[in-house]
């Protein structure tokens, strides 16, 4: 399976690592480190992206709106100001697929023109105009499940059968993309660990992750440093690497194609060991 990301192609026959580059000052993990006196430092962002590419990331995911629980809404103009200079800088200087983590049609189109090769939408192209904008870019997309919105999604989320409901939602969104003219091979699916879900919901999704591969699209998995890891293990954000790697390995074993992570070097090492022990 090949994912055609503008001028670059990713082979999903082997696992790919997506490095997270948050350019928001309020990211739960490391976005604030890229800011100086309240302003985004583009040079720092490029250095961080370059380090992740050197460590083995094949995708850099640039996000200009924090989607952590309780995060504030960001106006599209501000998101554009954060994201576009970084996309342009990475496109000019690094040989890597650039993913733009956005739900906004204007950001999708502008980022595609600036060199992005993948759209990563936590709202699964449900905002007005998002589907049409994504189709117009001709870029592959990642559709994520989220119950509610970042401001309220962790306010006691409930499901009757979480895995079945998430599967049904992603199936419908994948069909909507195909009906709009996309090919299923150019769509990724993300069950949205931690997005409007309690720990028991997250664990259920991880246990049944392989079922999502039946939909005919590549599965993207992201649990890196998330609060669930902290709650389950009693770890602060900077202590969650081992738990994150454990979940990432489980995802690979169940057919995930892309791992979205903060700790690229350690994840790439884990992927290499996995591949060596699963070589045919």
C-alpha atoms as a PDB file:
ATOM      1  CA  UNK A   1       0.000   0.000   0.000  1.00  0.00           C
ATOM      2  CA  UNK A   2       1.431   3.348  -1.072  1.00  0.00           C
ATOM      3  CA  UNK A   3       0.325   6.694   0.327  1.00  0.00           C
ATOM      4  CA  UNK A   4       0.941   9.424  -2.257  1.00  0.00           C
ATOM      5  CA  UNK A   5       1.718  12.590  -0.280  1.00  0.00           C
ATOM      6  CA  UNK A   6       2.046  15.258  -2.995  1.00  0.00           C
ATOM      7  CA  UNK A   7       5.508  14.661  -4.518  1.00  0.00           C
ATOM      8  CA  UNK A   8       6.547  12.075  -1.925  1.00  0.00           C
ATOM      9  CA  UNK A   9       5.275   8.545  -1.423  1.00  0.00           C
ATOM     10  CA  UNK A  10       5.133   6.468   1.747  1.00  0.00           C
ATOM     11  CA  UNK A  11       5.181   2.690   1.592  1.00  0.00           C
ATOM     12  CA  UNK A  12       2.775   1.386   4.212  1.00  0.00           C
ATOM     13  CA  UNK A  13       3.993  -2.163   3.752  1.00  0.00           C
ATOM     14  CA  UNK A  14       6.301  -1.280   6.647  1.00  0.00           C
ATOM     15  CA  UNK A  15       5.572   0.864   9.722  1.00  0.00           C
ATOM     16  CA  UNK A  16       6.130   4.610   9.474  1.00  0.00           C
ATOM     17  CA  UNK A  17       6.898   6.985  12.346  1.00  0.00           C
ATOM     18  CA  UNK A  18       5.235  10.401  12.467  1.00  0.00           C
ATOM     19  CA  UNK A  19       7.033  12.965  14.623  1.00  0.00           C
ATOM     20  CA  UNK A  20       4.862  15.493  16.464  1.00  0.00           C
ATOM     21  CA  UNK A  21       5.747  19.169  16.026  1.00  0.00           C
ATOM     22  CA  UNK A  22       3.324  21.248  18.056  1.00  0.00           C
ATOM     23  CA  UNK A  23       3.665  24.954  17.286  1.00  0.00           C
ATOM     24  CA  UNK A  24       1.168  25.953  19.969  1.00  0.00           C
ATOM     25  CA  UNK A  25       2.202  27.622  23.239  1.00  0.00           C
ATOM     26  CA  UNK A  26      -0.267  25.496  25.242  1.00  0.00           C
ATOM     27  CA  UNK A  27       0.552  21.966  24.068  1.00  0.00           C
ATOM     28  CA  UNK A  28       0.334  19.448  26.906  1.00  0.00           C
ATOM     29  CA  UNK A  29       3.814  18.112  26.126  1.00  0.00           C
ATOM     30  CA  UNK A  30       6.426  20.230  24.356  1.00  0.00           C
ATOM     31  CA  UNK A  31       4.921  22.992  22.231  1.00  0.00           C
ATOM     32  CA  UNK A  32       5.896  25.769  24.644  1.00  0.00           C
ATOM     33  CA  UNK A  33       9.577  24.906  24.152  1.00  0.00           C
ATOM     34  CA  UNK A  34       9.366  26.310  20.616  1.00  0.00           C
ATOM     35  CA  UNK A  35       8.219  29.720  21.816  1.00  0.00           C
ATOM     36  CA  UNK A  36      10.261  32.651  23.066  1.00  0.00           C
ATOM     37  CA  UNK A  37       8.643  35.628  24.839  1.00  0.00           C
ATOM     38  CA  UNK A  38       5.232  34.390  23.672  1.00  0.00           C
ATOM     39  CA  UNK A  39       6.254  34.126  20.000  1.00  0.00           C
ATOM     40  CA  UNK A  40       6.950  31.031  17.926  1.00  0.00           C
ATOM     41  CA  UNK A  41      10.642  30.563  17.171  1.00  0.00           C
ATOM     42  CA  UNK A  42      10.741  29.200  13.618  1.00  0.00           C
ATOM     43  CA  UNK A  43      14.439  28.318  13.833  1.00  0.00           C
ATOM     44  CA  UNK A  44      13.819  26.152  16.905  1.00  0.00           C
ATOM     45  CA  UNK A  45      10.924  24.463  15.133  1.00  0.00           C
ATOM     46  CA  UNK A  46      13.105  23.636  12.123  1.00  0.00           C
ATOM     47  CA  UNK A  47      15.861  22.275  14.372  1.00  0.00           C
ATOM     48  CA  UNK A  48      13.330  20.065  16.164  1.00  0.00           C
ATOM     49  CA  UNK A  49      11.927  18.817  12.851  1.00  0.00           C
ATOM     50  CA  UNK A  50      15.437  18.156  11.527  1.00  0.00           C
ATOM     51  CA  UNK A  51      16.301  16.144  14.639  1.00  0.00           C
ATOM     52  CA  UNK A  52      13.216  13.972  14.213  1.00  0.00           C
ATOM     53  CA  UNK A  53      14.013  13.349  10.542  1.00  0.00           C
ATOM     54  CA  UNK A  54      17.582  12.370  11.465  1.00  0.00           C
ATOM     55  CA  UNK A  55      16.168  10.004  14.088  1.00  0.00           C
ATOM     56  CA  UNK A  56      14.039   8.267  11.487  1.00  0.00           C
ATOM     57  CA  UNK A  57      10.697  10.083  11.221  1.00  0.00           C
ATOM     58  CA  UNK A  58       9.239   9.843   7.717  1.00  0.00           C
ATOM     59  CA  UNK A  59       6.426  12.305   8.540  1.00  0.00           C
ATOM     60  CA  UNK A  60       6.427  15.545  10.540  1.00  0.00           C
ATOM     61  CA  UNK A  61       2.979  16.462  11.874  1.00  0.00           C
ATOM     62  CA  UNK A  62       2.668  20.232  12.313  1.00  0.00           C
ATOM     63  CA  UNK A  63      -0.162  21.389  14.554  1.00  0.00           C
ATOM     64  CA  UNK A  64      -1.215  24.969  15.220  1.00  0.00           C
ATOM     65  CA  UNK A  65      -4.218  24.281  17.472  1.00  0.00           C
ATOM     66  CA  UNK A  66      -3.923  22.344  20.714  1.00  0.00           C
ATOM     67  CA  UNK A  67      -6.560  19.612  20.948  1.00  0.00           C
ATOM     68  CA  UNK A  68      -5.714  18.504  24.476  1.00  0.00           C
ATOM     69  CA  UNK A  69      -8.715  18.192  26.832  1.00  0.00           C
ATOM     70  CA  UNK A  70      -9.955  21.656  27.753  1.00  0.00           C
ATOM     71  CA  UNK A  71      -7.911  23.448  25.105  1.00  0.00           C
ATOM     72  CA  UNK A  72      -9.146  26.840  23.940  1.00  0.00           C
ATOM     73  CA  UNK A  73     -10.386  27.423  20.409  1.00  0.00           C
ATOM     74  CA  UNK A  74      -7.876  29.040  18.036  1.00  0.00           C
ATOM     75  CA  UNK A  75      -9.059  31.441  15.326  1.00  0.00           C
ATOM     76  CA  UNK A  76      -8.181  30.350  11.802  1.00  0.00           C
ATOM     77  CA  UNK A  77      -6.050  33.463  11.214  1.00  0.00           C
ATOM     78  CA  UNK A  78      -3.887  32.635  14.219  1.00  0.00           C
ATOM     79  CA  UNK A  79      -3.606  28.995  13.173  1.00  0.00           C
ATOM     80  CA  UNK A  80      -2.443  30.090   9.716  1.00  0.00           C
ATOM     81  CA  UNK A  81       0.163  32.404  11.260  1.00  0.00           C
ATOM     82  CA  UNK A  82       1.538  29.546  13.335  1.00  0.00           C
ATOM     83  CA  UNK A  83       1.463  26.767  10.757  1.00  0.00           C
ATOM     84  CA  UNK A  84       2.306  28.197   7.333  1.00  0.00           C
ATOM     85  CA  UNK A  85       5.807  29.583   8.055  1.00  0.00           C
ATOM     86  CA  UNK A  86       6.802  26.250   9.599  1.00  0.00           C
ATOM     87  CA  UNK A  87       5.396  24.173   6.728  1.00  0.00           C
ATOM     88  CA  UNK A  88       7.218  26.402   4.235  1.00  0.00           C
ATOM     89  CA  UNK A  89      10.471  26.188   6.201  1.00  0.00           C
ATOM     90  CA  UNK A  90      10.384  22.399   6.520  1.00  0.00           C
ATOM     91  CA  UNK A  91       9.391  21.972   2.873  1.00  0.00           C
ATOM     92  CA  UNK A  92      12.326  24.119   1.797  1.00  0.00           C
ATOM     93  CA  UNK A  93      14.939  22.469   4.017  1.00  0.00           C
ATOM     94  CA  UNK A  94      14.010  18.837   4.733  1.00  0.00           C
ATOM     95  CA  UNK A  95      13.210  15.756   2.663  1.00  0.00           C
ATOM     96  CA  UNK A  96      10.178  14.551   4.624  1.00  0.00           C
ATOM     97  CA  UNK A  97       6.414  14.294   4.293  1.00  0.00           C
ATOM     98  CA  UNK A  98       4.728  17.191   6.090  1.00  0.00           C
ATOM     99  CA  UNK A  99       1.403  16.505   7.725  1.00  0.00           C
ATOM    100  CA  UNK A 100      -0.782  19.412   8.832  1.00  0.00           C
ATOM    101  CA  UNK A 101      -2.886  18.743  11.928  1.00  0.00           C
ATOM    102  CA  UNK A 102      -5.954  20.891  11.249  1.00  0.00           C
ATOM    103  CA  UNK A 103      -9.719  20.858  10.819  1.00  0.00           C
ATOM    104  CA  UNK A 104      -9.949  24.211   9.040  1.00  0.00           C
ATOM    105  CA  UNK A 105     -10.547  24.275   5.255  1.00  0.00           C
ATOM    106  CA  UNK A 106      -8.469  27.437   4.767  1.00  0.00           C
ATOM    107  CA  UNK A 107      -5.517  25.937   6.642  1.00  0.00           C
ATOM    108  CA  UNK A 108      -5.734  22.725   4.613  1.00  0.00           C
ATOM    109  CA  UNK A 109      -5.597  24.590   1.326  1.00  0.00           C
ATOM    110  CA  UNK A 110      -2.879  27.033   2.370  1.00  0.00           C
ATOM    111  CA  UNK A 111      -0.723  24.309   3.892  1.00  0.00           C
ATOM    112  CA  UNK A 112      -1.045  22.171   0.755  1.00  0.00           C
ATOM    113  CA  UNK A 113       0.119  25.140  -1.343  1.00  0.00           C
ATOM    114  CA  UNK A 114       3.036  25.637   1.062  1.00  0.00           C
ATOM    115  CA  UNK A 115       4.253  22.043   0.721  1.00  0.00           C
ATOM    116  CA  UNK A 116       2.205  19.844   3.054  1.00  0.00           C
ATOM    117  CA  UNK A 117       1.615  16.276   1.865  1.00  0.00           C
ATOM    118  CA  UNK A 118      -0.997  14.978   4.307  1.00  0.00           C
ATOM    119  CA  UNK A 119      -4.058  16.356   6.134  1.00  0.00           C
ATOM    120  CA  UNK A 120      -4.564  15.065   9.681  1.00  0.00           C
ATOM    121  CA  UNK A 121      -8.027  16.079  10.926  1.00  0.00           C
ATOM    122  CA  UNK A 122      -9.187  15.226  14.449  1.00  0.00           C
ATOM    123  CA  UNK A 123     -12.723  16.216  13.370  1.00  0.00           C
ATOM    124  CA  UNK A 124     -12.724  13.835  10.384  1.00  0.00           C
ATOM    125  CA  UNK A 125     -13.562  16.507   7.774  1.00  0.00           C
ATOM    126  CA  UNK A 126     -16.877  17.348   9.432  1.00  0.00           C
ATOM    127  CA  UNK A 127     -16.489  21.132   9.596  1.00  0.00           C
ATOM    128  CA  UNK A 128     -18.302  23.042   6.870  1.00  0.00           C
ATOM    129  CA  UNK A 129     -16.194  23.089   3.717  1.00  0.00           C
ATOM    130  CA  UNK A 130     -13.532  20.714   5.058  1.00  0.00           C
ATOM    131  CA  UNK A 131     -14.386  17.783   2.790  1.00  0.00           C
ATOM    132  CA  UNK A 132     -14.402  19.948  -0.336  1.00  0.00           C
ATOM    133  CA  UNK A 133     -11.120  21.592   0.681  1.00  0.00           C
ATOM    134  CA  UNK A 134      -9.440  18.239   1.297  1.00  0.00           C
ATOM    135  CA  UNK A 135     -10.596  16.881  -2.041  1.00  0.00           C
ATOM    136  CA  UNK A 136      -9.328  20.006  -3.788  1.00  0.00           C
ATOM    137  CA  UNK A 137      -5.833  19.583  -2.326  1.00  0.00           C
ATOM    138  CA  UNK A 138      -5.655  16.005  -3.718  1.00  0.00           C
ATOM    139  CA  UNK A 139      -3.717  15.039  -0.579  1.00  0.00           C
ATOM    140  CA  UNK A 140      -4.305  11.924   1.524  1.00  0.00           C
ATOM    141  CA  UNK A 141      -6.217  12.488   4.749  1.00  0.00           C
ATOM    142  CA  UNK A 142      -6.346  11.009   8.226  1.00  0.00           C
ATOM    143  CA  UNK A 143      -9.798  10.808   9.803  1.00  0.00           C
ATOM    144  CA  UNK A 144      -9.968  10.633  13.604  1.00  0.00           C
ATOM    145  CA  UNK A 145     -12.833   9.806  15.947  1.00  0.00           C
ATOM    146  CA  UNK A 146     -13.610  12.259  18.722  1.00  0.00           C
ATOM    147  CA  UNK A 147     -16.714  12.334  20.915  1.00  0.00           C
ATOM    148  CA  UNK A 148     -17.557  16.001  21.512  1.00  0.00           C
ATOM    149  CA  UNK A 149     -14.911  18.688  21.125  1.00  0.00           C
ATOM    150  CA  UNK A 150     -11.612  19.422  22.911  1.00  0.00           C
ATOM    151  CA  UNK A 151     -13.293  21.849  25.298  1.00  0.00           C
ATOM    152  CA  UNK A 152     -15.729  19.257  26.664  1.00  0.00           C
ATOM    153  CA  UNK A 153     -14.767  15.816  25.326  1.00  0.00           C
ATOM    154  CA  UNK A 154     -13.541  14.440  28.670  1.00  0.00           C
ATOM    155  CA  UNK A 155     -16.647  15.501  30.600  1.00  0.00           C
ATOM    156  CA  UNK A 156     -17.851  11.967  31.382  1.00  0.00           C
ATOM    157  CA  UNK A 157     -17.918  10.415  27.859  1.00  0.00           C
ATOM    158  CA  UNK A 158     -20.196   7.388  27.527  1.00  0.00           C
ATOM    159  CA  UNK A 159     -20.552   4.528  25.013  1.00  0.00           C
ATOM    160  CA  UNK A 160     -22.641   1.387  24.781  1.00  0.00           C
ATOM    161  CA  UNK A 161     -19.937  -0.406  22.766  1.00  0.00           C
ATOM    162  CA  UNK A 162     -17.000   1.937  22.237  1.00  0.00           C
ATOM    163  CA  UNK A 163     -15.088  -0.067  19.633  1.00  0.00           C
ATOM    164  CA  UNK A 164     -18.226  -0.771  17.595  1.00  0.00           C
ATOM    165  CA  UNK A 165     -19.344   2.864  17.708  1.00  0.00           C
ATOM    166  CA  UNK A 166     -15.914   4.183  16.721  1.00  0.00           C
ATOM    167  CA  UNK A 167     -15.708   1.594  13.928  1.00  0.00           C
ATOM    168  CA  UNK A 168     -19.136   2.629  12.610  1.00  0.00           C
ATOM    169  CA  UNK A 169     -18.215   6.320  12.698  1.00  0.00           C
ATOM    170  CA  UNK A 170     -14.934   5.810  10.833  1.00  0.00           C
ATOM    171  CA  UNK A 171     -16.643   3.537   8.298  1.00  0.00           C
ATOM    172  CA  UNK A 172     -19.185   6.283   7.554  1.00  0.00           C
ATOM    173  CA  UNK A 173     -16.521   8.976   7.275  1.00  0.00           C
ATOM    174  CA  UNK A 174     -14.411   6.773   4.989  1.00  0.00           C
ATOM    175  CA  UNK A 175     -17.465   6.212   2.771  1.00  0.00           C
ATOM    176  CA  UNK A 176     -18.105   9.970   2.712  1.00  0.00           C
ATOM    177  CA  UNK A 177     -14.548  10.523   1.502  1.00  0.00           C
ATOM    178  CA  UNK A 178     -14.895   7.891  -1.217  1.00  0.00           C
ATOM    179  CA  UNK A 179     -18.245   9.364  -2.277  1.00  0.00           C
ATOM    180  CA  UNK A 180     -16.499  12.745  -2.556  1.00  0.00           C
ATOM    181  CA  UNK A 181     -13.912  11.290  -4.940  1.00  0.00           C
ATOM    182  CA  UNK A 182     -11.082  10.059  -2.729  1.00  0.00           C
ATOM    183  CA  UNK A 183      -9.582   6.599  -2.958  1.00  0.00           C
ATOM    184  CA  UNK A 184      -9.722   4.509   0.219  1.00  0.00           C
ATOM    185  CA  UNK A 185      -6.009   3.765  -0.213  1.00  0.00           C
ATOM    186  CA  UNK A 186      -5.360   7.489   0.331  1.00  0.00           C
ATOM    187  CA  UNK A 187      -7.277   7.632   3.618  1.00  0.00           C
ATOM    188  CA  UNK A 188      -5.933   6.853   7.087  1.00  0.00           C
ATOM    189  CA  UNK A 189      -8.085   6.072  10.119  1.00  0.00           C
ATOM    190  CA  UNK A 190      -7.334   7.002  13.738  1.00  0.00           C
ATOM    191  CA  UNK A 191      -9.565   5.665  16.565  1.00  0.00           C
ATOM    192  CA  UNK A 192      -8.705   8.741  18.621  1.00  0.00           C
ATOM    193  CA  UNK A 193      -7.220   7.374  21.830  1.00  0.00           C
ATOM    194  CA  UNK A 194      -7.930   9.889  24.599  1.00  0.00           C
ATOM    195  CA  UNK A 195     -10.371  11.983  22.563  1.00  0.00           C
ATOM    196  CA  UNK A 196     -13.715  11.805  24.351  1.00  0.00           C
ATOM    197  CA  UNK A 197     -12.939   8.468  25.979  1.00  0.00           C
ATOM    198  CA  UNK A 198     -12.320   7.098  29.460  1.00  0.00           C
ATOM    199  CA  UNK A 199      -9.390   4.795  30.139  1.00  0.00           C
ATOM    200  CA  UNK A 200     -11.570   1.708  29.806  1.00  0.00           C
ATOM    201  CA  UNK A 201     -12.724   2.921  26.391  1.00  0.00           C
ATOM    202  CA  UNK A 202      -9.136   3.514  25.281  1.00  0.00           C
ATOM    203  CA  UNK A 203      -8.030   0.074  26.436  1.00  0.00           C
ATOM    204  CA  UNK A 204     -10.967  -1.549  24.651  1.00  0.00           C
ATOM    205  CA  UNK A 205     -10.040   0.236  21.413  1.00  0.00           C
ATOM    206  CA  UNK A 206      -6.415  -0.856  21.708  1.00  0.00           C
ATOM    207  CA  UNK A 207      -7.404  -4.478  22.345  1.00  0.00           C
ATOM    208  CA  UNK A 208      -9.655  -4.441  19.262  1.00  0.00           C
ATOM    209  CA  UNK A 209      -7.496  -2.237  17.042  1.00  0.00           C
ATOM    210  CA  UNK A 210      -7.012  -4.952  14.432  1.00  0.00           C
ATOM    211  CA  UNK A 211     -10.707  -4.803  13.558  1.00  0.00           C
ATOM    212  CA  UNK A 212     -10.175  -1.307  12.107  1.00  0.00           C
ATOM    213  CA  UNK A 213      -7.799  -2.686   9.470  1.00  0.00           C
ATOM    214  CA  UNK A 214     -10.835  -4.462   7.934  1.00  0.00           C
ATOM    215  CA  UNK A 215     -12.067  -1.094   6.640  1.00  0.00           C
ATOM    216  CA  UNK A 216      -9.451  -1.081   3.876  1.00  0.00           C
ATOM    217  CA  UNK A 217      -7.584   2.039   4.979  1.00  0.00           C
ATOM    218  CA  UNK A 218      -4.303   2.367   6.862  1.00  0.00           C
ATOM    219  CA  UNK A 219      -4.556   2.788  10.634  1.00  0.00           C
ATOM    220  CA  UNK A 220      -2.717   5.623  12.394  1.00  0.00           C
ATOM    221  CA  UNK A 221      -2.162   5.204  16.134  1.00  0.00           C
ATOM    222  CA  UNK A 222      -1.269   7.892  18.656  1.00  0.00           C
ATOM    223  CA  UNK A 223      -0.939   7.407  22.402  1.00  0.00           C
ATOM    224  CA  UNK A 224       2.451   9.071  22.947  1.00  0.00           C
ATOM    225  CA  UNK A 225       2.773  10.632  26.430  1.00  0.00           C
ATOM    226  CA  UNK A 226      -1.004  10.838  26.810  1.00  0.00           C
ATOM    227  CA  UNK A 227      -2.639  11.270  30.188  1.00  0.00           C
ATOM    228  CA  UNK A 228      -3.964   7.705  30.124  1.00  0.00           C
ATOM    229  CA  UNK A 229      -0.378   6.438  30.287  1.00  0.00           C
ATOM    230  CA  UNK A 230       0.189   8.721  33.256  1.00  0.00           C
ATOM    231  CA  UNK A 231      -2.922   7.548  35.090  1.00  0.00           C
ATOM    232  CA  UNK A 232      -2.333   3.845  34.465  1.00  0.00           C
ATOM    233  CA  UNK A 233       1.328   3.962  35.514  1.00  0.00           C
ATOM    234  CA  UNK A 234       1.417   6.936  37.867  1.00  0.00           C
ATOM    235  CA  UNK A 235       3.847   8.846  35.612  1.00  0.00           C
ATOM    236  CA  UNK A 236       4.345  12.512  34.778  1.00  0.00           C
ATOM    237  CA  UNK A 237       4.531  13.606  31.114  1.00  0.00           C
ATOM    238  CA  UNK A 238       8.328  13.251  30.909  1.00  0.00           C
ATOM    239  CA  UNK A 239       8.162   9.740  32.444  1.00  0.00           C
ATOM    240  CA  UNK A 240       5.763   8.139  29.960  1.00  0.00           C
ATOM    241  CA  UNK A 241       8.142   6.825  27.281  1.00  0.00           C
ATOM    242  CA  UNK A 242       8.113   3.157  28.343  1.00  0.00           C
ATOM    243  CA  UNK A 243       4.332   3.060  28.572  1.00  0.00           C
ATOM    244  CA  UNK A 244       3.977   4.827  25.244  1.00  0.00           C
ATOM    245  CA  UNK A 245       6.307   2.335  23.575  1.00  0.00           C
ATOM    246  CA  UNK A 246       4.381  -0.570  25.061  1.00  0.00           C
ATOM    247  CA  UNK A 247       1.131   0.662  23.552  1.00  0.00           C
ATOM    248  CA  UNK A 248       2.835   1.442  20.227  1.00  0.00           C
ATOM    249  CA  UNK A 249       4.149  -2.120  20.015  1.00  0.00           C
ATOM    250  CA  UNK A 250       0.662  -3.493  20.660  1.00  0.00           C
ATOM    251  CA  UNK A 251      -0.610  -1.270  17.848  1.00  0.00           C
ATOM    252  CA  UNK A 252       2.013  -2.577  15.416  1.00  0.00           C
ATOM    253  CA  UNK A 253       1.115  -6.147  16.302  1.00  0.00           C
ATOM    254  CA  UNK A 254      -2.492  -5.387  15.374  1.00  0.00           C
ATOM    255  CA  UNK A 255      -1.720  -3.837  12.012  1.00  0.00           C
ATOM    256  CA  UNK A 256      -1.215  -0.120  12.640  1.00  0.00           C
ATOM    257  CA  UNK A 257       0.733   1.481   9.777  1.00  0.00           C
ATOM    258  CA  UNK A 258       1.738   4.856  11.270  1.00  0.00           C
ATOM    259  CA  UNK A 259       2.770   5.689  14.834  1.00  0.00           C
ATOM    260  CA  UNK A 260       2.330   9.343  15.850  1.00  0.00           C
ATOM    261  CA  UNK A 261       4.891  10.063  18.579  1.00  0.00           C
ATOM    262  CA  UNK A 262       6.940  12.636  20.472  1.00  0.00           C
ATOM    263  CA  UNK A 263       9.935  10.330  21.071  1.00  0.00           C
ATOM    264  CA  UNK A 264      11.044   9.451  17.547  1.00  0.00           C
ATOM    265  CA  UNK A 265      14.442   7.829  18.206  1.00  0.00           C
ATOM    266  CA  UNK A 266      13.151   5.367  20.801  1.00  0.00           C
ATOM    267  CA  UNK A 267      10.103   4.521  18.690  1.00  0.00           C
ATOM    268  CA  UNK A 268      12.224   3.912  15.576  1.00  0.00           C
ATOM    269  CA  UNK A 269      14.427   1.530  17.586  1.00  0.00           C
ATOM    270  CA  UNK A 270      11.351  -0.354  18.762  1.00  0.00           C
ATOM    271  CA  UNK A 271       9.995  -0.546  15.205  1.00  0.00           C
ATOM    272  CA  UNK A 272      13.309  -1.928  13.937  1.00  0.00           C
ATOM    273  CA  UNK A 273      13.323  -4.680  16.556  1.00  0.00           C
ATOM    274  CA  UNK A 274       9.700  -5.473  15.696  1.00  0.00           C
ATOM    275  CA  UNK A 275      10.565  -5.734  12.002  1.00  0.00           C
ATOM    276  CA  UNK A 276      13.598  -7.939  12.648  1.00  0.00           C
ATOM    277  CA  UNK A 277      11.528 -10.371  14.662  1.00  0.00           C
ATOM    278  CA  UNK A 278       8.647 -10.394  12.164  1.00  0.00           C
ATOM    279  CA  UNK A 279      10.692 -10.664   8.953  1.00  0.00           C
ATOM    280  CA  UNK A 280       9.311 -13.275   6.572  1.00  0.00           C
END
